[in-house]
Amino acid sequence: MTYLMFFLGVCFAVGVLGVASNPSPYYGVVGLVLASVAGCGWLLGLGVSFVALVLFMVYLGGMLVVFVYSVALAAEPFPGAWGD
């Protein structure tokens, strides 16, 4: 169990670094999902399964909406529309 908690802690740290270090929102989403899954797995290991489920659904759902919105704003919908 100790190795699993250590592994989840390392995955959480890698996910947080992935969100913080990537300028592209596409890769930030991958880091966010990794950090969220690892954090909820850590909470499951501590025995608070309801909190982990609520955290996973609310936090991941809300943040993915923000990332989808930022990706939609960053994408160029009409290439060459400004005379390029």
Protein backbone atom coordinates (compact mmCIF):
# COMPACT_ATOMS: atom_id res chain seq x y z
CA MET A 1 0.00 0.00 0.00
CA THR A 2 2.90 2.33 0.69
CA TYR A 3 4.27 1.83 -2.81
CA LEU A 4 0.86 2.59 -4.32
CA MET A 5 0.55 5.83 -2.33
CA PHE A 6 4.09 6.83 -3.34
CA PHE A 7 3.31 6.07 -6.99
CA LEU A 8 0.10 8.13 -6.84
CA GLY A 9 2.01 10.99 -5.23
CA VAL A 10 4.60 10.94 -7.99
CA CYS A 11 1.85 10.82 -10.65
CA PHE A 12 0.15 13.77 -8.98
CA ALA A 13 3.38 15.78 -8.99
CA VAL A 14 4.04 14.93 -12.64
CA GLY A 15 0.49 15.93 -13.55
CA VAL A 16 0.80 19.26 -11.74
CA LEU A 17 4.11 19.94 -13.46
CA GLY A 18 2.50 19.02 -16.77
CA VAL A 19 -0.29 21.54 -16.27
CA ALA A 20 2.08 24.27 -15.12
CA SER A 21 4.80 23.84 -17.74
CA ASN A 22 2.84 23.38 -20.98
CA PRO A 23 1.85 26.50 -22.90
CA SER A 24 -0.58 24.47 -25.02
CA PRO A 25 -3.97 23.78 -23.47
CA TYR A 26 -4.11 20.42 -25.25
CA TYR A 27 -1.26 19.01 -23.16
CA GLY A 28 -2.49 20.84 -20.07
CA VAL A 29 -5.67 18.78 -20.19
CA VAL A 30 -3.63 15.57 -20.12
CA GLY A 31 -1.71 16.79 -17.07
CA LEU A 32 -4.94 17.85 -15.38
CA VAL A 33 -6.54 14.46 -15.90
CA LEU A 34 -3.41 12.69 -14.62
CA ALA A 35 -3.23 14.89 -11.52
CA SER A 36 -6.95 14.52 -10.83
CA VAL A 37 -6.93 10.73 -11.19
CA ALA A 38 -3.83 10.43 -9.01
CA GLY A 39 -5.25 12.74 -6.34
CA CYS A 40 -8.54 10.87 -6.25
CA GLY A 41 -6.66 7.57 -6.12
CA TRP A 42 -4.72 8.90 -3.17
CA LEU A 43 -7.97 9.82 -1.42
CA LEU A 44 -9.34 6.36 -2.16
CA GLY A 45 -6.25 4.89 -0.55
CA LEU A 46 -6.98 6.95 2.56
CA GLY A 47 -10.51 5.56 2.68
CA VAL A 48 -12.60 8.61 1.76
CA SER A 49 -14.22 7.27 -1.38
CA PHE A 50 -17.20 9.66 -1.46
CA VAL A 51 -14.96 12.71 -1.27
CA ALA A 52 -12.77 11.29 -4.03
CA LEU A 53 -15.77 10.67 -6.29
CA VAL A 54 -17.22 14.14 -5.71
CA LEU A 55 -13.83 15.77 -6.20
CA PHE A 56 -13.26 13.85 -9.41
CA MET A 57 -16.63 14.70 -10.91
CA VAL A 58 -16.84 18.34 -9.85
CA TYR A 59 -13.23 19.40 -10.25
CA LEU A 60 -12.49 17.52 -13.44
CA GLY A 61 -15.80 18.49 -15.01
CA GLY A 62 -15.40 22.17 -14.18
CA MET A 63 -11.79 22.42 -15.24
CA LEU A 64 -12.34 20.56 -18.49
CA VAL A 65 -15.05 23.08 -19.37
CA VAL A 66 -12.52 25.86 -18.83
CA PHE A 67 -9.91 24.08 -20.95
CA VAL A 68 -12.39 23.41 -23.76
CA TYR A 69 -13.34 27.08 -23.74
CA SER A 70 -9.69 28.17 -23.89
CA VAL A 71 -8.98 25.72 -26.72
CA ALA A 72 -11.98 27.06 -28.62
CA LEU A 73 -10.70 30.61 -28.21
CA ALA A 74 -7.14 29.67 -29.16
CA ALA A 75 -8.18 27.84 -32.32
CA GLU A 76 -8.43 29.84 -35.51
CA PRO A 77 -11.89 29.03 -36.89
CA PHE A 78 -11.47 30.65 -40.31
CA PRO A 79 -7.93 30.34 -41.70
CA GLY A 80 -7.07 33.26 -43.89
CA ALA A 81 -10.09 35.33 -42.88
CA TRP A 82 -7.95 38.36 -42.05
CA GLY A 83 -6.24 38.51 -45.42
CA ASP A 84 -3.34 36.20 -44.63
